[in-house]
């Protein structure tokens, strides 16, 4: 299994979600199932079916989180070289076509949140930037076409 590199914040968030699902989540689902069961015939009980489906989805998420947490390593951004783009690098890039400058932090897919400026190292842009240095120009194929991005700055969280 591939090692999943996370920031301390990302690791703590995943552990918190897992703890919440195992404790509160399981109790809530059990309550919903018992309540639906009390309504009688299970063969025609939509509430029971919905609660069982929700339980299955939650158990799948719990198993997924357990695997992610077990294979995760927390990176200390202070110990990472700033000369090249790596996981937890905050990169300022210049889009040559539009003239816009953007700033993204490269994180694992489990921490990615585009609205917070965090993109996955597995995304097309993330893959294109990995290992590059300030001044490098990368061409990245995205659904909207080909982007030409110049790396202007690399810093740490």
C-alpha atoms as a PDB file:
ATOM      1  CA  UNK A   1       0.000   0.000   0.000  1.00  0.00           C
ATOM      2  CA  UNK A   2       1.175   3.477  -0.891  1.00  0.00           C
ATOM      3  CA  UNK A   3       2.221   5.754   1.975  1.00  0.00           C
ATOM      4  CA  UNK A   4      -0.079   8.757   2.330  1.00  0.00           C
ATOM      5  CA  UNK A   5       1.787  11.924   3.374  1.00  0.00           C
ATOM      6  CA  UNK A   6      -0.290  14.391   5.376  1.00  0.00           C
ATOM      7  CA  UNK A   7       0.111  17.608   7.298  1.00  0.00           C
ATOM      8  CA  UNK A   8      -0.524  17.382  11.037  1.00  0.00           C
ATOM      9  CA  UNK A   9      -3.797  19.262  10.503  1.00  0.00           C
ATOM     10  CA  UNK A  10      -4.940  16.837   7.807  1.00  0.00           C
ATOM     11  CA  UNK A  11      -4.031  13.816   9.924  1.00  0.00           C
ATOM     12  CA  UNK A  12      -5.871  15.242  12.944  1.00  0.00           C
ATOM     13  CA  UNK A  13      -8.970  15.952  10.817  1.00  0.00           C
ATOM     14  CA  UNK A  14      -9.086  12.384   9.495  1.00  0.00           C
ATOM     15  CA  UNK A  15      -8.606  10.929  12.991  1.00  0.00           C
ATOM     16  CA  UNK A  16     -11.380  13.182  14.304  1.00  0.00           C
ATOM     17  CA  UNK A  17     -13.771  12.130  11.532  1.00  0.00           C
ATOM     18  CA  UNK A  18     -12.976   8.462  12.199  1.00  0.00           C
ATOM     19  CA  UNK A  19     -13.485   8.841  15.952  1.00  0.00           C
ATOM     20  CA  UNK A  20     -16.809  10.632  15.381  1.00  0.00           C
ATOM     21  CA  UNK A  21     -18.113   7.961  12.990  1.00  0.00           C
ATOM     22  CA  UNK A  22     -17.071   5.090  15.279  1.00  0.00           C
ATOM     23  CA  UNK A  23     -18.654   6.632  18.369  1.00  0.00           C
ATOM     24  CA  UNK A  24     -21.528   8.961  17.572  1.00  0.00           C
ATOM     25  CA  UNK A  25     -22.166   7.764  14.012  1.00  0.00           C
ATOM     26  CA  UNK A  26     -22.613   4.111  14.908  1.00  0.00           C
ATOM     27  CA  UNK A  27     -24.890   4.979  17.847  1.00  0.00           C
ATOM     28  CA  UNK A  28     -27.077   7.197  15.642  1.00  0.00           C
ATOM     29  CA  UNK A  29     -27.423   4.533  12.953  1.00  0.00           C
ATOM     30  CA  UNK A  30     -28.241   1.838  15.526  1.00  0.00           C
ATOM     31  CA  UNK A  31     -30.943   4.112  16.955  1.00  0.00           C
ATOM     32  CA  UNK A  32     -32.386   4.753  13.487  1.00  0.00           C
ATOM     33  CA  UNK A  33     -32.453   1.023  12.688  1.00  0.00           C
ATOM     34  CA  UNK A  34     -34.160   0.177  15.988  1.00  0.00           C
ATOM     35  CA  UNK A  35     -36.721   2.930  15.459  1.00  0.00           C
ATOM     36  CA  UNK A  36     -37.454   1.747  11.901  1.00  0.00           C
ATOM     37  CA  UNK A  37     -37.690  -1.861  13.108  1.00  0.00           C
ATOM     38  CA  UNK A  38     -40.376  -0.853  15.594  1.00  0.00           C
ATOM     39  CA  UNK A  39     -42.626   0.223  12.706  1.00  0.00           C
ATOM     40  CA  UNK A  40     -43.418  -3.373  11.834  1.00  0.00           C
ATOM     41  CA  UNK A  41     -42.972  -5.463   8.692  1.00  0.00           C
ATOM     42  CA  UNK A  42     -39.348  -5.061   7.508  1.00  0.00           C
ATOM     43  CA  UNK A  43     -40.106  -6.249   3.972  1.00  0.00           C
ATOM     44  CA  UNK A  44     -42.058  -3.056   3.222  1.00  0.00           C
ATOM     45  CA  UNK A  45     -40.239  -0.657   5.532  1.00  0.00           C
ATOM     46  CA  UNK A  46     -38.484   2.102   3.562  1.00  0.00           C
ATOM     47  CA  UNK A  47     -37.082   3.724   6.731  1.00  0.00           C
ATOM     48  CA  UNK A  48     -35.405   0.449   7.694  1.00  0.00           C
ATOM     49  CA  UNK A  49     -33.936   0.022   4.201  1.00  0.00           C
ATOM     50  CA  UNK A  50     -32.640   3.608   4.224  1.00  0.00           C
ATOM     51  CA  UNK A  51     -31.078   3.197   7.667  1.00  0.00           C
ATOM     52  CA  UNK A  52     -29.378  -0.070   6.638  1.00  0.00           C
ATOM     53  CA  UNK A  53     -28.055   1.579   3.470  1.00  0.00           C
ATOM     54  CA  UNK A  54     -26.719   4.517   5.521  1.00  0.00           C
ATOM     55  CA  UNK A  55     -25.089   2.029   7.889  1.00  0.00           C
ATOM     56  CA  UNK A  56     -23.350   0.319   4.962  1.00  0.00           C
ATOM     57  CA  UNK A  57     -22.046   3.615   3.599  1.00  0.00           C
ATOM     58  CA  UNK A  58     -20.812   4.681   7.017  1.00  0.00           C
ATOM     59  CA  UNK A  59     -19.030   1.354   7.625  1.00  0.00           C
ATOM     60  CA  UNK A  60     -17.373   1.685   4.210  1.00  0.00           C
ATOM     61  CA  UNK A  61     -16.159   5.180   5.138  1.00  0.00           C
ATOM     62  CA  UNK A  62     -14.887   3.925   8.509  1.00  0.00           C
ATOM     63  CA  UNK A  63     -12.903   1.146   6.802  1.00  0.00           C
ATOM     64  CA  UNK A  64     -11.533   3.658   4.274  1.00  0.00           C
ATOM     65  CA  UNK A  65     -10.474   6.080   7.027  1.00  0.00           C
ATOM     66  CA  UNK A  66      -8.843   3.287   9.047  1.00  0.00           C
ATOM     67  CA  UNK A  67      -6.780   2.295   6.001  1.00  0.00           C
ATOM     68  CA  UNK A  68      -5.818   5.903   5.240  1.00  0.00           C
ATOM     69  CA  UNK A  69      -4.786   6.625   8.838  1.00  0.00           C
ATOM     70  CA  UNK A  70      -2.837   3.346   9.113  1.00  0.00           C
ATOM     71  CA  UNK A  71      -0.839   4.178   5.968  1.00  0.00           C
ATOM     72  CA  UNK A  72      -0.310   7.868   6.694  1.00  0.00           C
ATOM     73  CA  UNK A  73       2.854   9.635   7.708  1.00  0.00           C
ATOM     74  CA  UNK A  74       2.791  13.165   9.081  1.00  0.00           C
ATOM     75  CA  UNK A  75       5.256  15.473   7.379  1.00  0.00           C
ATOM     76  CA  UNK A  76       6.873  18.393   9.133  1.00  0.00           C
ATOM     77  CA  UNK A  77       7.017  21.125   6.508  1.00  0.00           C
ATOM     78  CA  UNK A  78       9.989  22.753   8.299  1.00  0.00           C
ATOM     79  CA  UNK A  79      12.184  19.793   7.323  1.00  0.00           C
ATOM     80  CA  UNK A  80      11.370  19.915   3.602  1.00  0.00           C
ATOM     81  CA  UNK A  81      13.669  21.597   1.092  1.00  0.00           C
ATOM     82  CA  UNK A  82      12.178  24.777  -0.431  1.00  0.00           C
ATOM     83  CA  UNK A  83      14.177  24.614  -3.653  1.00  0.00           C
ATOM     84  CA  UNK A  84      11.732  22.201  -5.322  1.00  0.00           C
ATOM     85  CA  UNK A  85       7.999  21.486  -5.179  1.00  0.00           C
ATOM     86  CA  UNK A  86       7.036  18.626  -2.856  1.00  0.00           C
ATOM     87  CA  UNK A  87       4.023  17.617  -0.766  1.00  0.00           C
ATOM     88  CA  UNK A  88       3.082  20.545   1.532  1.00  0.00           C
ATOM     89  CA  UNK A  89       4.754  23.079  -0.767  1.00  0.00           C
ATOM     90  CA  UNK A  90       2.809  26.284  -1.258  1.00  0.00           C
ATOM     91  CA  UNK A  91       3.472  27.273  -4.841  1.00  0.00           C
ATOM     92  CA  UNK A  92       2.782  30.568  -6.559  1.00  0.00           C
ATOM     93  CA  UNK A  93       2.281  29.969 -10.276  1.00  0.00           C
ATOM     94  CA  UNK A  94       1.707  32.296 -13.192  1.00  0.00           C
ATOM     95  CA  UNK A  95      -0.665  31.164 -15.947  1.00  0.00           C
ATOM     96  CA  UNK A  96       1.056  32.359 -19.130  1.00  0.00           C
ATOM     97  CA  UNK A  97      -2.150  32.321 -21.193  1.00  0.00           C
ATOM     98  CA  UNK A  98      -4.401  34.307 -18.827  1.00  0.00           C
ATOM     99  CA  UNK A  99      -1.718  36.301 -17.035  1.00  0.00           C
ATOM    100  CA  UNK A 100      -3.237  35.319 -13.680  1.00  0.00           C
ATOM    101  CA  UNK A 101      -1.201  34.360 -10.675  1.00  0.00           C
ATOM    102  CA  UNK A 102      -2.466  31.596  -8.370  1.00  0.00           C
ATOM    103  CA  UNK A 103      -1.247  30.123  -5.123  1.00  0.00           C
ATOM    104  CA  UNK A 104      -1.812  26.470  -4.211  1.00  0.00           C
ATOM    105  CA  UNK A 105      -0.639  24.157  -1.471  1.00  0.00           C
ATOM    106  CA  UNK A 106       0.071  20.622  -2.682  1.00  0.00           C
ATOM    107  CA  UNK A 107      -1.413  18.015  -0.365  1.00  0.00           C
ATOM    108  CA  UNK A 108      -2.489  14.373  -0.465  1.00  0.00           C
ATOM    109  CA  UNK A 109      -5.812  13.563  -2.136  1.00  0.00           C
ATOM    110  CA  UNK A 110      -7.334  13.137   1.336  1.00  0.00           C
ATOM    111  CA  UNK A 111      -6.594  16.760   2.277  1.00  0.00           C
ATOM    112  CA  UNK A 112      -7.372  18.383  -1.077  1.00  0.00           C
ATOM    113  CA  UNK A 113      -9.878  21.252  -0.940  1.00  0.00           C
ATOM    114  CA  UNK A 114      -9.809  23.537  -3.952  1.00  0.00           C
ATOM    115  CA  UNK A 115     -11.824  26.219  -2.126  1.00  0.00           C
ATOM    116  CA  UNK A 116      -9.022  26.454   0.452  1.00  0.00           C
ATOM    117  CA  UNK A 117      -6.294  26.497  -2.194  1.00  0.00           C
ATOM    118  CA  UNK A 118      -5.220  22.913  -1.460  1.00  0.00           C
ATOM    119  CA  UNK A 119      -4.762  20.716  -4.522  1.00  0.00           C
ATOM    120  CA  UNK A 120      -3.861  17.052  -4.670  1.00  0.00           C
ATOM    121  CA  UNK A 121      -0.376  15.983  -5.693  1.00  0.00           C
ATOM    122  CA  UNK A 122      -2.230  13.414  -7.830  1.00  0.00           C
ATOM    123  CA  UNK A 123      -4.166  16.082  -9.789  1.00  0.00           C
ATOM    124  CA  UNK A 124      -2.869  17.074 -13.239  1.00  0.00           C
ATOM    125  CA  UNK A 125      -1.502  20.386 -11.936  1.00  0.00           C
ATOM    126  CA  UNK A 126      -0.048  18.737  -8.818  1.00  0.00           C
ATOM    127  CA  UNK A 127       1.717  16.067 -10.878  1.00  0.00           C
ATOM    128  CA  UNK A 128       3.057  18.700 -13.245  1.00  0.00           C
ATOM    129  CA  UNK A 129       4.506  20.823 -10.438  1.00  0.00           C
ATOM    130  CA  UNK A 130       6.109  18.049  -8.363  1.00  0.00           C
ATOM    131  CA  UNK A 131       9.899  18.199  -8.332  1.00  0.00           C
ATOM    132  CA  UNK A 132      10.063  21.488 -10.242  1.00  0.00           C
ATOM    133  CA  UNK A 133      11.887  24.649  -9.113  1.00  0.00           C
ATOM    134  CA  UNK A 134      11.280  28.407  -9.202  1.00  0.00           C
ATOM    135  CA  UNK A 135      11.493  29.649 -12.778  1.00  0.00           C
ATOM    136  CA  UNK A 136      10.487  26.308 -14.321  1.00  0.00           C
ATOM    137  CA  UNK A 137       7.656  26.383 -16.837  1.00  0.00           C
ATOM    138  CA  UNK A 138       5.399  23.326 -16.927  1.00  0.00           C
ATOM    139  CA  UNK A 139       2.773  22.371 -19.456  1.00  0.00           C
ATOM    140  CA  UNK A 140      -0.212  20.652 -17.886  1.00  0.00           C
ATOM    141  CA  UNK A 141      -3.067  19.020 -19.743  1.00  0.00           C
ATOM    142  CA  UNK A 142      -6.383  19.674 -17.989  1.00  0.00           C
ATOM    143  CA  UNK A 143      -9.975  19.134 -19.168  1.00  0.00           C
ATOM    144  CA  UNK A 144     -10.120  22.755 -20.369  1.00  0.00           C
ATOM    145  CA  UNK A 145      -6.989  22.356 -22.510  1.00  0.00           C
ATOM    146  CA  UNK A 146      -3.253  22.850 -22.083  1.00  0.00           C
ATOM    147  CA  UNK A 147      -1.989  25.160 -19.341  1.00  0.00           C
ATOM    148  CA  UNK A 148       1.457  26.714 -19.376  1.00  0.00           C
ATOM    149  CA  UNK A 149       2.423  27.542 -15.804  1.00  0.00           C
ATOM    150  CA  UNK A 150       5.545  29.284 -14.534  1.00  0.00           C
ATOM    151  CA  UNK A 151       6.602  28.637 -10.945  1.00  0.00           C
ATOM    152  CA  UNK A 152       7.174  32.002  -9.278  1.00  0.00           C
ATOM    153  CA  UNK A 153       7.650  31.026  -5.621  1.00  0.00           C
ATOM    154  CA  UNK A 154       7.872  27.959  -3.375  1.00  0.00           C
ATOM    155  CA  UNK A 155       7.260  28.174   0.356  1.00  0.00           C
ATOM    156  CA  UNK A 156       6.102  25.944   3.212  1.00  0.00           C
ATOM    157  CA  UNK A 157       2.833  26.004   5.188  1.00  0.00           C
END
